[in-house]
Amino acid sequence: MQVAVILEKSENGYAAYAPEVPGCVAAGDTREETLQLMQEALEFHFQAMVRDSDPLPEVTGVDCAMLDVPLEKMLAERSAA
């Protein structure tokens, strides 16, 4: 099963979370370290849920898109006004 993971850059490195797996997070110094820690966290999280017979989250597949916002144009228009 594939689980979508969101990575966020912070002042101290990176943080990661899985939107479809509440409470499962990880943080590390690098992107690669954070992904490895998140992999381990997800496996541990699911192992505990299976062991405890907890209901598993419904992982349907989160979609992600990057959109361009014309911020430079907006700032230029504001400066010209």
C-alpha atoms as a PDB file:
ATOM      1  CA  MET A   1       0.000   0.000   0.000  1.00  0.00           C
ATOM      2  CA  GLN A   2       1.273   3.440  -0.844  1.00  0.00           C
ATOM      3  CA  VAL A   3       0.709   6.294   1.591  1.00  0.00           C
ATOM      4  CA  ALA A   4       0.986   9.958   0.603  1.00  0.00           C
ATOM      5  CA  VAL A   5       3.465  11.900   2.747  1.00  0.00           C
ATOM      6  CA  ILE A   6       3.756  15.675   2.949  1.00  0.00           C
ATOM      7  CA  LEU A   7       7.217  17.145   3.572  1.00  0.00           C
ATOM      8  CA  GLU A   8       7.654  20.624   4.997  1.00  0.00           C
ATOM      9  CA  LYS A   9      10.950  22.498   5.248  1.00  0.00           C
ATOM     10  CA  SER A  10      11.557  24.139   8.610  1.00  0.00           C
ATOM     11  CA  GLU A  11      14.304  26.186  10.230  1.00  0.00           C
ATOM     12  CA  ASN A  12      15.809  23.004  11.684  1.00  0.00           C
ATOM     13  CA  GLY A  13      15.361  20.580   8.783  1.00  0.00           C
ATOM     14  CA  TYR A  14      12.225  18.826   7.591  1.00  0.00           C
ATOM     15  CA  ALA A  15       8.960  17.549   9.014  1.00  0.00           C
ATOM     16  CA  ALA A  16       6.661  14.966   7.455  1.00  0.00           C
ATOM     17  CA  TYR A  17       3.132  13.756   8.003  1.00  0.00           C
ATOM     18  CA  ALA A  18       0.638  11.495   6.293  1.00  0.00           C
ATOM     19  CA  PRO A  19      -2.736  13.240   5.865  1.00  0.00           C
ATOM     20  CA  GLU A  20      -4.586   9.927   5.731  1.00  0.00           C
ATOM     21  CA  VAL A  21      -2.846   8.489   8.802  1.00  0.00           C
ATOM     22  CA  PRO A  22      -3.595  10.897  11.661  1.00  0.00           C
ATOM     23  CA  GLY A  23      -0.922  11.133  14.329  1.00  0.00           C
ATOM     24  CA  CYS A  24       1.888   9.662  12.250  1.00  0.00           C
ATOM     25  CA  VAL A  25       4.686  12.221  11.921  1.00  0.00           C
ATOM     26  CA  ALA A  26       8.464  12.411  11.637  1.00  0.00           C
ATOM     27  CA  ALA A  27      11.178  15.068  11.598  1.00  0.00           C
ATOM     28  CA  GLY A  28      14.802  15.021  10.511  1.00  0.00           C
ATOM     29  CA  ASP A  29      17.748  17.122   9.462  1.00  0.00           C
ATOM     30  CA  THR A  30      17.525  16.262   5.760  1.00  0.00           C
ATOM     31  CA  ARG A  31      14.777  15.315   3.327  1.00  0.00           C
ATOM     32  CA  GLU A  32      16.207  11.828   2.961  1.00  0.00           C
ATOM     33  CA  GLU A  33      16.495  11.280   6.729  1.00  0.00           C
ATOM     34  CA  THR A  34      12.950  12.539   7.246  1.00  0.00           C
ATOM     35  CA  LEU A  35      11.560  10.183   4.590  1.00  0.00           C
ATOM     36  CA  GLN A  36      13.402   7.243   6.167  1.00  0.00           C
ATOM     37  CA  LEU A  37      12.086   8.152   9.616  1.00  0.00           C
ATOM     38  CA  MET A  38       8.584   8.566   8.201  1.00  0.00           C
ATOM     39  CA  GLN A  39       8.799   5.124   6.573  1.00  0.00           C
ATOM     40  CA  GLU A  40       9.721   3.646   9.942  1.00  0.00           C
ATOM     41  CA  ALA A  41       6.981   5.632  11.711  1.00  0.00           C
ATOM     42  CA  LEU A  42       4.324   4.424   9.267  1.00  0.00           C
ATOM     43  CA  GLU A  43       5.399   0.799   9.634  1.00  0.00           C
ATOM     44  CA  PHE A  44       5.411   1.080  13.431  1.00  0.00           C
ATOM     45  CA  HIS A  45       2.040   2.874  13.392  1.00  0.00           C
ATOM     46  CA  PHE A  46       0.365   0.214  11.222  1.00  0.00           C
ATOM     47  CA  GLN A  47       1.979  -2.657  13.153  1.00  0.00           C
ATOM     48  CA  ALA A  48       0.509  -1.279  16.385  1.00  0.00           C
ATOM     49  CA  MET A  49      -2.923  -0.840  14.795  1.00  0.00           C
ATOM     50  CA  VAL A  50      -2.914  -4.406  13.467  1.00  0.00           C
ATOM     51  CA  ARG A  51      -1.624  -5.802  16.773  1.00  0.00           C
ATOM     52  CA  ASP A  52      -4.322  -3.950  18.738  1.00  0.00           C
ATOM     53  CA  SER A  53      -7.068  -4.773  16.200  1.00  0.00           C
ATOM     54  CA  ASP A  54      -7.701  -1.057  15.721  1.00  0.00           C
ATOM     55  CA  PRO A  55      -9.637   0.000  12.627  1.00  0.00           C
ATOM     56  CA  LEU A  56      -7.209   0.868   9.859  1.00  0.00           C
ATOM     57  CA  PRO A  57      -7.433   4.273   8.193  1.00  0.00           C
ATOM     58  CA  GLU A  58      -8.932   4.305   4.736  1.00  0.00           C
ATOM     59  CA  VAL A  59      -6.037   5.228   2.486  1.00  0.00           C
ATOM     60  CA  THR A  60      -7.655   6.313  -0.755  1.00  0.00           C
ATOM     61  CA  GLY A  61      -4.754   8.237  -2.226  1.00  0.00           C
ATOM     62  CA  VAL A  62      -4.305  11.918  -1.654  1.00  0.00           C
ATOM     63  CA  ASP A  63      -3.713  13.981  -4.769  1.00  0.00           C
ATOM     64  CA  CYS A  64      -1.358  16.927  -4.793  1.00  0.00           C
ATOM     65  CA  ALA A  65      -0.802  19.703  -7.293  1.00  0.00           C
ATOM     66  CA  MET A  66       1.489  22.710  -7.403  1.00  0.00           C
ATOM     67  CA  LEU A  67      -0.163  25.896  -8.646  1.00  0.00           C
ATOM     68  CA  ASP A  68       1.543  29.055  -9.817  1.00  0.00           C
ATOM     69  CA  VAL A  69       0.313  32.217  -8.132  1.00  0.00           C
ATOM     70  CA  PRO A  70       1.406  35.382 -10.003  1.00  0.00           C
ATOM     71  CA  LEU A  71       2.710  37.070  -6.849  1.00  0.00           C
ATOM     72  CA  GLU A  72       5.386  39.079  -8.660  1.00  0.00           C
ATOM     73  CA  LYS A  73       2.746  40.551 -10.977  1.00  0.00           C
ATOM     74  CA  MET A  74       0.498  41.411  -8.028  1.00  0.00           C
ATOM     75  CA  LEU A  75       3.338  43.140  -6.213  1.00  0.00           C
ATOM     76  CA  ALA A  76       4.295  45.082  -9.330  1.00  0.00           C
ATOM     77  CA  GLU A  77       0.693  46.210  -9.790  1.00  0.00           C
ATOM     78  CA  ARG A  78       0.502  47.272  -6.154  1.00  0.00           C
ATOM     79  CA  SER A  79       3.731  49.271  -6.467  1.00  0.00           C
ATOM     80  CA  ALA A  80       2.469  50.976  -9.636  1.00  0.00           C
ATOM     81  CA  ALA A  81      -0.761  52.077  -7.967  1.00  0.00           C
END
